């Protein structure tokens, strides 16, 4: 039997290992690719979201929806599996029109996979324009760039120049922008969080009691059920106290609406300086109880009249 030199065996093993090793993932802070003048920032950790018990319990609803199922199948066909998507970060401008996004996930920046999605989902407005020196990803009214094989950045026209500057490392980013102090107070280990400034007109449209709202930060904790954490930063401590009193008055009104006391007791209202804090903690058992109550309160379907 012919003997293969040990050195050659080592070379073959190294090549085989390199071919089987997963592609290196790009390490990027999405906040360095979002404009500093953003008024609102939101983050979704898609991996943590998929691992949450509440998500897993409701996943069959997603699979049962024909349009959602078609999208998931297209992603799988084009080798951009939903299970491979890692994070989505969004920024919204103060004008409420301009939006930027950073999507990180396996294959989201691969040209052939984007072209595949264009063919699989022709009605979604996805298109890869290769007419320029650098390909442009078109998605509805937004245009984007491939930042890395697993990083895609998109922005509406008003932020296109900022996007190019950020990718070149010369632009002002949200990571060091005016929202940075607020972002630093967000619990970064939550799968979903957001923080931003709120125009007075928008606050009043939400509820008159929030007319003094200037900033908001919040997060969802999905490790065991649903946890909602909100901090409403008001114009002053006196405004925060008045807002808290109004919220408590409205909350007390819910106690006579038939909601189980065990669920209402999981809601906490408080104040810390100019911030009004709202915290809701519902375990899977409480969520099941709420679903049962909703089913009981749902009107019975009208009886059908037999055809003559």
C-alpha atoms as a PDB file:
ATOM      1  CA  UNK A   1       0.000   0.000   0.000  1.00  0.00           C
ATOM      2  CA  UNK A   2       1.322   3.433  -0.922  1.00  0.00           C
ATOM      3  CA  UNK A   3       2.069   5.660   2.033  1.00  0.00           C
ATOM      4  CA  UNK A   4       1.015   9.310   1.917  1.00  0.00           C
ATOM      5  CA  UNK A   5       3.569  11.683   3.464  1.00  0.00           C
ATOM      6  CA  UNK A   6       2.519  13.040   6.845  1.00  0.00           C
ATOM      7  CA  UNK A   7       3.053  16.612   5.633  1.00  0.00           C
ATOM      8  CA  UNK A   8       0.614  16.083   2.756  1.00  0.00           C
ATOM      9  CA  UNK A   9      -1.947  14.553   5.110  1.00  0.00           C
ATOM     10  CA  UNK A  10      -1.661  17.634   7.300  1.00  0.00           C
ATOM     11  CA  UNK A  11      -2.247  19.888   4.272  1.00  0.00           C
ATOM     12  CA  UNK A  12      -5.318  17.881   3.213  1.00  0.00           C
ATOM     13  CA  UNK A  13      -6.707  18.005   6.740  1.00  0.00           C
ATOM     14  CA  UNK A  14      -6.182  21.767   6.932  1.00  0.00           C
ATOM     15  CA  UNK A  15      -7.965  22.333   3.616  1.00  0.00           C
ATOM     16  CA  UNK A  16     -10.862  20.101   4.674  1.00  0.00           C
ATOM     17  CA  UNK A  17     -11.147  21.927   7.973  1.00  0.00           C
ATOM     18  CA  UNK A  18     -11.125  25.311   6.262  1.00  0.00           C
ATOM     19  CA  UNK A  19     -13.836  24.221   3.858  1.00  0.00           C
ATOM     20  CA  UNK A  20     -16.064  22.904   6.623  1.00  0.00           C
ATOM     21  CA  UNK A  21     -15.561  25.839   8.967  1.00  0.00           C
ATOM     22  CA  UNK A  22     -18.464  28.345   9.018  1.00  0.00           C
ATOM     23  CA  UNK A  23     -17.779  31.716   7.419  1.00  0.00           C
ATOM     24  CA  UNK A  24     -16.473  34.296   9.871  1.00  0.00           C
ATOM     25  CA  UNK A  25     -19.161  36.619  11.140  1.00  0.00           C
ATOM     26  CA  UNK A  26     -18.693  40.356  10.813  1.00  0.00           C
ATOM     27  CA  UNK A  27     -18.350  42.117  14.147  1.00  0.00           C
ATOM     28  CA  UNK A  28     -20.171  45.422  13.744  1.00  0.00           C
ATOM     29  CA  UNK A  29     -21.900  47.822  16.111  1.00  0.00           C
ATOM     30  CA  UNK A  30     -25.087  48.811  14.233  1.00  0.00           C
ATOM     31  CA  UNK A  31     -25.171  52.143  16.100  1.00  0.00           C
ATOM     32  CA  UNK A  32     -22.022  53.142  14.183  1.00  0.00           C
ATOM     33  CA  UNK A  33     -23.994  52.806  10.922  1.00  0.00           C
ATOM     34  CA  UNK A  34     -27.074  54.801  11.976  1.00  0.00           C
ATOM     35  CA  UNK A  35     -27.194  58.636  11.739  1.00  0.00           C
ATOM     36  CA  UNK A  36     -26.469  60.721  14.825  1.00  0.00           C
ATOM     37  CA  UNK A  37     -29.483  62.966  14.183  1.00  0.00           C
ATOM     38  CA  UNK A  38     -31.888  60.058  14.663  1.00  0.00           C
ATOM     39  CA  UNK A  39     -34.818  60.881  16.903  1.00  0.00           C
ATOM     40  CA  UNK A  40     -35.641  57.258  17.744  1.00  0.00           C
ATOM     41  CA  UNK A  41     -33.554  54.070  17.778  1.00  0.00           C
ATOM     42  CA  UNK A  42     -34.969  50.551  18.054  1.00  0.00           C
ATOM     43  CA  UNK A  43     -33.150  47.216  18.293  1.00  0.00           C
ATOM     44  CA  UNK A  44     -34.341  43.629  17.808  1.00  0.00           C
ATOM     45  CA  UNK A  45     -32.151  40.660  18.721  1.00  0.00           C
ATOM     46  CA  UNK A  46     -33.720  38.114  16.388  1.00  0.00           C
ATOM     47  CA  UNK A  47     -31.801  35.193  17.868  1.00  0.00           C
ATOM     48  CA  UNK A  48     -33.031  35.936  21.398  1.00  0.00           C
ATOM     49  CA  UNK A  49     -36.523  36.554  20.065  1.00  0.00           C
ATOM     50  CA  UNK A  50     -36.670  33.132  18.407  1.00  0.00           C
ATOM     51  CA  UNK A  51     -35.485  31.492  21.650  1.00  0.00           C
ATOM     52  CA  UNK A  52     -38.203  33.132  23.768  1.00  0.00           C
ATOM     53  CA  UNK A  53     -40.953  30.793  25.079  1.00  0.00           C
ATOM     54  CA  UNK A  54     -43.653  33.269  23.990  1.00  0.00           C
ATOM     55  CA  UNK A  55     -42.291  33.333  20.426  1.00  0.00           C
ATOM     56  CA  UNK A  56     -42.015  29.573  20.244  1.00  0.00           C
ATOM     57  CA  UNK A  57     -45.574  29.187  21.484  1.00  0.00           C
ATOM     58  CA  UNK A  58     -46.883  31.528  18.796  1.00  0.00           C
ATOM     59  CA  UNK A  59     -44.628  30.393  15.932  1.00  0.00           C
ATOM     60  CA  UNK A  60     -47.380  28.116  14.494  1.00  0.00           C
ATOM     61  CA  UNK A  61     -49.458  31.260  13.867  1.00  0.00           C
ATOM     62  CA  UNK A  62     -46.672  32.595  11.657  1.00  0.00           C
ATOM     63  CA  UNK A  63     -46.406  29.324   9.767  1.00  0.00           C
ATOM     64  CA  UNK A  64     -50.182  29.257   9.266  1.00  0.00           C
ATOM     65  CA  UNK A  65     -50.241  32.699   7.599  1.00  0.00           C
ATOM     66  CA  UNK A  66     -49.917  32.176   3.804  1.00  0.00           C
ATOM     67  CA  UNK A  67     -47.966  35.399   3.148  1.00  0.00           C
ATOM     68  CA  UNK A  68     -45.618  34.836   6.062  1.00  0.00           C
ATOM     69  CA  UNK A  69     -45.105  31.241   4.964  1.00  0.00           C
ATOM     70  CA  UNK A  70     -44.305  32.390   1.427  1.00  0.00           C
ATOM     71  CA  UNK A  71     -41.698  34.815   2.756  1.00  0.00           C
ATOM     72  CA  UNK A  72     -40.095  32.180   4.996  1.00  0.00           C
ATOM     73  CA  UNK A  73     -39.968  29.710   2.107  1.00  0.00           C
ATOM     74  CA  UNK A  74     -38.369  32.320  -0.162  1.00  0.00           C
ATOM     75  CA  UNK A  75     -35.722  33.105   2.453  1.00  0.00           C
ATOM     76  CA  UNK A  76     -34.917  29.405   2.785  1.00  0.00           C
ATOM     77  CA  UNK A  77     -34.798  28.897  -0.979  1.00  0.00           C
ATOM     78  CA  UNK A  78     -32.384  31.799  -1.399  1.00  0.00           C
ATOM     79  CA  UNK A  79     -30.169  30.631   1.456  1.00  0.00           C
ATOM     80  CA  UNK A  80     -31.038  33.576   3.696  1.00  0.00           C
ATOM     81  CA  UNK A  81     -32.862  31.509   6.330  1.00  0.00           C
ATOM     82  CA  UNK A  82     -34.954  33.283   8.923  1.00  0.00           C
ATOM     83  CA  UNK A  83     -33.116  31.315  11.599  1.00  0.00           C
ATOM     84  CA  UNK A  84     -29.873  32.864  10.350  1.00  0.00           C
ATOM     85  CA  UNK A  85     -30.995  36.486  10.814  1.00  0.00           C
ATOM     86  CA  UNK A  86     -29.320  37.921  13.909  1.00  0.00           C
ATOM     87  CA  UNK A  87     -30.184  41.568  14.558  1.00  0.00           C
ATOM     88  CA  UNK A  88     -32.248  44.413  13.120  1.00  0.00           C
ATOM     89  CA  UNK A  89     -31.631  48.026  14.151  1.00  0.00           C
ATOM     90  CA  UNK A  90     -33.812  50.931  13.034  1.00  0.00           C
ATOM     91  CA  UNK A  91     -33.448  54.701  13.228  1.00  0.00           C
ATOM     92  CA  UNK A  92     -36.192  57.260  12.606  1.00  0.00           C
ATOM     93  CA  UNK A  93     -35.601  60.958  11.940  1.00  0.00           C
ATOM     94  CA  UNK A  94     -37.401  63.746  13.780  1.00  0.00           C
ATOM     95  CA  UNK A  95     -39.445  64.432  10.646  1.00  0.00           C
ATOM     96  CA  UNK A  96     -40.940  60.946  10.916  1.00  0.00           C
ATOM     97  CA  UNK A  97     -40.152  60.350   7.229  1.00  0.00           C
ATOM     98  CA  UNK A  98     -36.525  59.317   6.978  1.00  0.00           C
ATOM     99  CA  UNK A  99     -35.647  55.828   8.199  1.00  0.00           C
ATOM    100  CA  UNK A 100     -32.401  53.842   8.262  1.00  0.00           C
ATOM    101  CA  UNK A 101     -31.883  50.174   9.050  1.00  0.00           C
ATOM    102  CA  UNK A 102     -29.019  47.764   9.659  1.00  0.00           C
ATOM    103  CA  UNK A 103     -29.781  44.089   9.130  1.00  0.00           C
ATOM    104  CA  UNK A 104     -27.227  41.500  10.246  1.00  0.00           C
ATOM    105  CA  UNK A 105     -27.641  37.863   9.294  1.00  0.00           C
ATOM    106  CA  UNK A 106     -26.213  34.978   7.326  1.00  0.00           C
ATOM    107  CA  UNK A 107     -26.113  35.813   3.621  1.00  0.00           C
ATOM    108  CA  UNK A 108     -28.047  39.106   3.752  1.00  0.00           C
ATOM    109  CA  UNK A 109     -25.219  40.823   1.845  1.00  0.00           C
ATOM    110  CA  UNK A 110     -24.554  38.134  -0.765  1.00  0.00           C
ATOM    111  CA  UNK A 111     -25.355  39.342  -4.295  1.00  0.00           C
ATOM    112  CA  UNK A 112     -26.644  36.027  -5.615  1.00  0.00           C
ATOM    113  CA  UNK A 113     -28.939  35.558  -2.650  1.00  0.00           C
ATOM    114  CA  UNK A 114     -30.400  39.048  -3.011  1.00  0.00           C
ATOM    115  CA  UNK A 115     -30.994  38.423  -6.707  1.00  0.00           C
ATOM    116  CA  UNK A 116     -32.713  35.178  -5.774  1.00  0.00           C
ATOM    117  CA  UNK A 117     -35.032  37.022  -3.371  1.00  0.00           C
ATOM    118  CA  UNK A 118     -35.843  39.502  -6.136  1.00  0.00           C
ATOM    119  CA  UNK A 119     -37.123  36.603  -8.226  1.00  0.00           C
ATOM    120  CA  UNK A 120     -38.850  34.778  -5.394  1.00  0.00           C
ATOM    121  CA  UNK A 121     -40.696  37.841  -4.017  1.00  0.00           C
ATOM    122  CA  UNK A 122     -41.378  40.071  -7.043  1.00  0.00           C
ATOM    123  CA  UNK A 123     -44.210  41.896  -5.270  1.00  0.00           C
ATOM    124  CA  UNK A 124     -42.075  43.003  -2.305  1.00  0.00           C
ATOM    125  CA  UNK A 125     -40.078  45.617  -4.195  1.00  0.00           C
ATOM    126  CA  UNK A 126     -36.710  43.942  -3.605  1.00  0.00           C
ATOM    127  CA  UNK A 127     -34.187  44.667  -6.366  1.00  0.00           C
ATOM    128  CA  UNK A 128     -30.415  44.561  -6.736  1.00  0.00           C
ATOM    129  CA  UNK A 129     -29.240  47.357  -9.050  1.00  0.00           C
ATOM    130  CA  UNK A 130     -25.794  46.524 -10.431  1.00  0.00           C
ATOM    131  CA  UNK A 131     -25.602  49.510 -12.785  1.00  0.00           C
ATOM    132  CA  UNK A 132     -23.258  51.418 -10.469  1.00  0.00           C
ATOM    133  CA  UNK A 133     -19.707  50.605  -9.424  1.00  0.00           C
ATOM    134  CA  UNK A 134     -21.101  49.348  -6.113  1.00  0.00           C
ATOM    135  CA  UNK A 135     -24.406  47.426  -6.186  1.00  0.00           C
ATOM    136  CA  UNK A 136     -27.435  49.169  -4.742  1.00  0.00           C
ATOM    137  CA  UNK A 137     -30.143  47.278  -2.881  1.00  0.00           C
ATOM    138  CA  UNK A 138     -33.568  48.757  -3.571  1.00  0.00           C
ATOM    139  CA  UNK A 139     -36.371  47.963  -1.140  1.00  0.00           C
ATOM    140  CA  UNK A 140     -39.510  50.008  -1.631  1.00  0.00           C
ATOM    141  CA  UNK A 141     -38.594  53.660  -1.157  1.00  0.00           C
ATOM    142  CA  UNK A 142     -35.261  52.837   0.510  1.00  0.00           C
ATOM    143  CA  UNK A 143     -31.879  52.227  -1.058  1.00  0.00           C
ATOM    144  CA  UNK A 144     -29.045  50.384   0.596  1.00  0.00           C
ATOM    145  CA  UNK A 145     -25.553  49.039   0.359  1.00  0.00           C
ATOM    146  CA  UNK A 146     -23.889  45.726   1.067  1.00  0.00           C
ATOM    147  CA  UNK A 147     -21.599  46.554   3.977  1.00  0.00           C
ATOM    148  CA  UNK A 148     -20.370  42.963   4.391  1.00  0.00           C
ATOM    149  CA  UNK A 149     -21.570  39.504   3.313  1.00  0.00           C
ATOM    150  CA  UNK A 150     -23.711  39.404   6.462  1.00  0.00           C
ATOM    151  CA  UNK A 151     -24.479  43.123   6.914  1.00  0.00           C
ATOM    152  CA  UNK A 152     -26.977  45.139   4.880  1.00  0.00           C
ATOM    153  CA  UNK A 153     -27.623  48.864   5.446  1.00  0.00           C
ATOM    154  CA  UNK A 154     -30.644  50.734   4.066  1.00  0.00           C
ATOM    155  CA  UNK A 155     -31.925  54.299   4.209  1.00  0.00           C
ATOM    156  CA  UNK A 156     -34.593  56.513   2.682  1.00  0.00           C
ATOM    157  CA  UNK A 157     -33.365  59.278   0.309  1.00  0.00           C
ATOM    158  CA  UNK A 158     -33.067  61.952   3.007  1.00  0.00           C
ATOM    159  CA  UNK A 159     -30.417  59.917   4.793  1.00  0.00           C
ATOM    160  CA  UNK A 160     -28.566  58.437   1.803  1.00  0.00           C
ATOM    161  CA  UNK A 161     -25.580  60.789   2.104  1.00  0.00           C
ATOM    162  CA  UNK A 162     -25.293  60.159   5.841  1.00  0.00           C
ATOM    163  CA  UNK A 163     -25.350  56.430   5.134  1.00  0.00           C
ATOM    164  CA  UNK A 164     -22.448  56.681   2.672  1.00  0.00           C
ATOM    165  CA  UNK A 165     -20.454  58.817   5.116  1.00  0.00           C
ATOM    166  CA  UNK A 166     -21.041  56.398   7.985  1.00  0.00           C
ATOM    167  CA  UNK A 167     -19.882  53.448   5.892  1.00  0.00           C
ATOM    168  CA  UNK A 168     -16.760  55.403   5.000  1.00  0.00           C
ATOM    169  CA  UNK A 169     -16.140  56.146   8.672  1.00  0.00           C
ATOM    170  CA  UNK A 170     -16.508  59.913   8.271  1.00  0.00           C
ATOM    171  CA  UNK A 171     -20.092  60.498   9.386  1.00  0.00           C
ATOM    172  CA  UNK A 172     -21.601  61.285  12.786  1.00  0.00           C
ATOM    173  CA  UNK A 173     -23.110  58.095  14.217  1.00  0.00           C
ATOM    174  CA  UNK A 174     -25.882  57.393  16.701  1.00  0.00           C
ATOM    175  CA  UNK A 175     -23.325  55.603  18.896  1.00  0.00           C
ATOM    176  CA  UNK A 176     -21.901  59.004  19.885  1.00  0.00           C
ATOM    177  CA  UNK A 177     -24.857  61.265  18.983  1.00  0.00           C
ATOM    178  CA  UNK A 178     -27.364  63.171  21.139  1.00  0.00           C
ATOM    179  CA  UNK A 179     -29.275  59.968  21.999  1.00  0.00           C
ATOM    180  CA  UNK A 180     -26.175  58.265  23.431  1.00  0.00           C
ATOM    181  CA  UNK A 181     -26.912  59.140  27.113  1.00  0.00           C
ATOM    182  CA  UNK A 182     -30.432  57.767  26.730  1.00  0.00           C
ATOM    183  CA  UNK A 183     -29.242  54.665  24.891  1.00  0.00           C
ATOM    184  CA  UNK A 184     -26.743  54.001  27.695  1.00  0.00           C
ATOM    185  CA  UNK A 185     -29.654  53.587  30.121  1.00  0.00           C
ATOM    186  CA  UNK A 186     -31.427  50.960  28.025  1.00  0.00           C
ATOM    187  CA  UNK A 187     -31.048  47.343  29.254  1.00  0.00           C
ATOM    188  CA  UNK A 188     -28.960  46.040  26.370  1.00  0.00           C
ATOM    189  CA  UNK A 189     -29.563  42.386  27.303  1.00  0.00           C
ATOM    190  CA  UNK A 190     -33.240  42.627  26.346  1.00  0.00           C
ATOM    191  CA  UNK A 191     -34.150  41.153  22.944  1.00  0.00           C
ATOM    192  CA  UNK A 192     -36.130  44.281  22.011  1.00  0.00           C
ATOM    193  CA  UNK A 193     -35.429  47.815  23.167  1.00  0.00           C
ATOM    194  CA  UNK A 194     -35.972  51.386  21.974  1.00  0.00           C
ATOM    195  CA  UNK A 195     -35.129  54.926  23.013  1.00  0.00           C
ATOM    196  CA  UNK A 196     -35.772  58.344  21.617  1.00  0.00           C
ATOM    197  CA  UNK A 197     -37.155  61.830  21.763  1.00  0.00           C
ATOM    198  CA  UNK A 198     -40.886  62.385  21.427  1.00  0.00           C
ATOM    199  CA  UNK A 199     -42.272  65.555  19.778  1.00  0.00           C
ATOM    200  CA  UNK A 200     -44.961  67.182  21.910  1.00  0.00           C
ATOM    201  CA  UNK A 201     -47.578  66.853  19.159  1.00  0.00           C
ATOM    202  CA  UNK A 202     -46.973  63.111  18.936  1.00  0.00           C
ATOM    203  CA  UNK A 203     -47.222  62.758  22.716  1.00  0.00           C
ATOM    204  CA  UNK A 204     -50.530  64.613  22.858  1.00  0.00           C
ATOM    205  CA  UNK A 205     -51.908  62.431  20.080  1.00  0.00           C
ATOM    206  CA  UNK A 206     -51.100  59.376  22.223  1.00  0.00           C
ATOM    207  CA  UNK A 207     -52.951  60.715  25.266  1.00  0.00           C
ATOM    208  CA  UNK A 208     -53.527  64.160  26.813  1.00  0.00           C
ATOM    209  CA  UNK A 209     -51.906  62.911  30.031  1.00  0.00           C
ATOM    210  CA  UNK A 210     -48.631  62.574  28.120  1.00  0.00           C
ATOM    211  CA  UNK A 211     -48.508  66.170  26.877  1.00  0.00           C
ATOM    212  CA  UNK A 212     -45.303  66.772  28.863  1.00  0.00           C
ATOM    213  CA  UNK A 213     -43.495  63.715  27.470  1.00  0.00           C
ATOM    214  CA  UNK A 214     -40.086  64.550  25.977  1.00  0.00           C
ATOM    215  CA  UNK A 215     -38.141  61.275  25.865  1.00  0.00           C
ATOM    216  CA  UNK A 216     -38.986  57.608  26.152  1.00  0.00           C
ATOM    217  CA  UNK A 217     -37.024  54.410  26.572  1.00  0.00           C
ATOM    218  CA  UNK A 218     -38.273  50.886  26.933  1.00  0.00           C
ATOM    219  CA  UNK A 219     -37.583  47.217  26.504  1.00  0.00           C
ATOM    220  CA  UNK A 220     -39.253  43.834  26.293  1.00  0.00           C
ATOM    221  CA  UNK A 221     -38.031  40.959  28.451  1.00  0.00           C
ATOM    222  CA  UNK A 222     -39.099  37.638  26.935  1.00  0.00           C
ATOM    223  CA  UNK A 223     -37.056  35.197  29.011  1.00  0.00           C
ATOM    224  CA  UNK A 224     -40.137  33.863  30.825  1.00  0.00           C
ATOM    225  CA  UNK A 225     -43.360  35.231  29.403  1.00  0.00           C
ATOM    226  CA  UNK A 226     -43.579  38.959  28.749  1.00  0.00           C
ATOM    227  CA  UNK A 227     -41.948  41.796  30.614  1.00  0.00           C
ATOM    228  CA  UNK A 228     -42.566  45.390  29.543  1.00  0.00           C
ATOM    229  CA  UNK A 229     -40.288  48.112  30.907  1.00  0.00           C
ATOM    230  CA  UNK A 230     -41.063  51.749  30.097  1.00  0.00           C
ATOM    231  CA  UNK A 231     -39.583  55.020  31.302  1.00  0.00           C
ATOM    232  CA  UNK A 232     -41.401  58.191  30.258  1.00  0.00           C
ATOM    233  CA  UNK A 233     -39.179  61.241  30.733  1.00  0.00           C
ATOM    234  CA  UNK A 234     -41.405  64.251  31.338  1.00  0.00           C
ATOM    235  CA  UNK A 235     -40.749  67.996  31.155  1.00  0.00           C
ATOM    236  CA  UNK A 236     -40.194  68.258  34.934  1.00  0.00           C
ATOM    237  CA  UNK A 237     -40.705  66.381  38.191  1.00  0.00           C
ATOM    238  CA  UNK A 238     -44.046  68.099  38.842  1.00  0.00           C
ATOM    239  CA  UNK A 239     -45.278  67.057  35.392  1.00  0.00           C
ATOM    240  CA  UNK A 240     -44.073  63.511  36.073  1.00  0.00           C
ATOM    241  CA  UNK A 241     -45.981  63.434  39.387  1.00  0.00           C
ATOM    242  CA  UNK A 242     -49.183  64.628  37.714  1.00  0.00           C
ATOM    243  CA  UNK A 243     -48.775  62.100  34.912  1.00  0.00           C
ATOM    244  CA  UNK A 244     -48.223  59.284  37.414  1.00  0.00           C
ATOM    245  CA  UNK A 245     -51.352  60.284  39.345  1.00  0.00           C
ATOM    246  CA  UNK A 246     -53.427  60.220  36.156  1.00  0.00           C
ATOM    247  CA  UNK A 247     -52.040  56.856  35.093  1.00  0.00           C
ATOM    248  CA  UNK A 248     -52.819  55.394  38.522  1.00  0.00           C
ATOM    249  CA  UNK A 249     -56.362  56.759  38.334  1.00  0.00           C
ATOM    250  CA  UNK A 250     -56.869  55.117  34.945  1.00  0.00           C
ATOM    251  CA  UNK A 251     -55.271  51.870  36.123  1.00  0.00           C
ATOM    252  CA  UNK A 252     -57.550  51.705  39.175  1.00  0.00           C
ATOM    253  CA  UNK A 253     -60.474  51.860  36.788  1.00  0.00           C
ATOM    254  CA  UNK A 254     -59.333  48.570  35.269  1.00  0.00           C
ATOM    255  CA  UNK A 255     -59.850  46.725  38.543  1.00  0.00           C
ATOM    256  CA  UNK A 256     -63.578  46.828  37.990  1.00  0.00           C
ATOM    257  CA  UNK A 257     -63.319  45.633  34.390  1.00  0.00           C
ATOM    258  CA  UNK A 258     -63.077  41.925  35.215  1.00  0.00           C
ATOM    259  CA  UNK A 259     -59.318  41.485  34.878  1.00  0.00           C
ATOM    260  CA  UNK A 260     -57.934  38.930  37.367  1.00  0.00           C
ATOM    261  CA  UNK A 261     -56.294  40.660  40.384  1.00  0.00           C
ATOM    262  CA  UNK A 262     -53.277  38.334  40.054  1.00  0.00           C
ATOM    263  CA  UNK A 263     -52.563  39.895  36.667  1.00  0.00           C
ATOM    264  CA  UNK A 264     -53.171  43.490  37.764  1.00  0.00           C
ATOM    265  CA  UNK A 265     -50.780  42.965  40.643  1.00  0.00           C
ATOM    266  CA  UNK A 266     -48.015  42.300  38.107  1.00  0.00           C
ATOM    267  CA  UNK A 267     -48.183  45.941  36.958  1.00  0.00           C
ATOM    268  CA  UNK A 268     -45.990  48.501  38.677  1.00  0.00           C
ATOM    269  CA  UNK A 269     -46.165  52.295  38.363  1.00  0.00           C
ATOM    270  CA  UNK A 270     -43.584  54.625  39.859  1.00  0.00           C
ATOM    271  CA  UNK A 271     -41.515  57.783  39.517  1.00  0.00           C
ATOM    272  CA  UNK A 272     -37.782  58.452  39.493  1.00  0.00           C
ATOM    273  CA  UNK A 273     -37.061  62.159  39.132  1.00  0.00           C
ATOM    274  CA  UNK A 274     -38.573  63.345  35.855  1.00  0.00           C
ATOM    275  CA  UNK A 275     -39.292  59.779  34.696  1.00  0.00           C
ATOM    276  CA  UNK A 276     -42.546  57.902  35.112  1.00  0.00           C
ATOM    277  CA  UNK A 277     -41.809  54.180  35.168  1.00  0.00           C
ATOM    278  CA  UNK A 278     -44.194  51.443  34.056  1.00  0.00           C
ATOM    279  CA  UNK A 279     -43.339  47.796  34.507  1.00  0.00           C
ATOM    280  CA  UNK A 280     -45.439  44.766  33.583  1.00  0.00           C
ATOM    281  CA  UNK A 281     -44.338  41.197  34.320  1.00  0.00           C
ATOM    282  CA  UNK A 282     -46.492  38.373  32.998  1.00  0.00           C
ATOM    283  CA  UNK A 283     -45.398  34.753  33.161  1.00  0.00           C
ATOM    284  CA  UNK A 284     -46.641  32.176  30.706  1.00  0.00           C
ATOM    285  CA  UNK A 285     -49.404  31.207  33.194  1.00  0.00           C
ATOM    286  CA  UNK A 286     -50.731  34.779  33.353  1.00  0.00           C
ATOM    287  CA  UNK A 287     -50.597  35.067  29.564  1.00  0.00           C
ATOM    288  CA  UNK A 288     -52.628  31.850  29.269  1.00  0.00           C
ATOM    289  CA  UNK A 289     -55.164  33.266  31.743  1.00  0.00           C
ATOM    290  CA  UNK A 290     -55.495  36.451  29.690  1.00  0.00           C
ATOM    291  CA  UNK A 291     -56.043  34.421  26.543  1.00  0.00           C
ATOM    292  CA  UNK A 292     -58.737  32.406  28.292  1.00  0.00           C
ATOM    293  CA  UNK A 293     -60.438  35.618  29.416  1.00  0.00           C
ATOM    294  CA  UNK A 294     -60.291  37.038  25.891  1.00  0.00           C
ATOM    295  CA  UNK A 295     -61.836  33.848  24.500  1.00  0.00           C
ATOM    296  CA  UNK A 296     -64.619  34.000  27.091  1.00  0.00           C
ATOM    297  CA  UNK A 297     -65.399  37.627  26.226  1.00  0.00           C
ATOM    298  CA  UNK A 298     -65.373  37.024  22.484  1.00  0.00           C
ATOM    299  CA  UNK A 299     -68.920  37.274  21.042  1.00  0.00           C
ATOM    300  CA  UNK A 300     -70.366  33.998  19.866  1.00  0.00           C
ATOM    301  CA  UNK A 301     -70.662  33.703  16.072  1.00  0.00           C
ATOM    302  CA  UNK A 302     -74.080  34.538  14.699  1.00  0.00           C
ATOM    303  CA  UNK A 303     -76.127  31.429  13.886  1.00  0.00           C
ATOM    304  CA  UNK A 304     -76.346  30.656  10.212  1.00  0.00           C
ATOM    305  CA  UNK A 305     -79.770  30.580   8.605  1.00  0.00           C
ATOM    306  CA  UNK A 306     -80.334  27.395   6.633  1.00  0.00           C
ATOM    307  CA  UNK A 307     -81.002  27.876   2.962  1.00  0.00           C
ATOM    308  CA  UNK A 308     -84.646  27.327   1.938  1.00  0.00           C
END
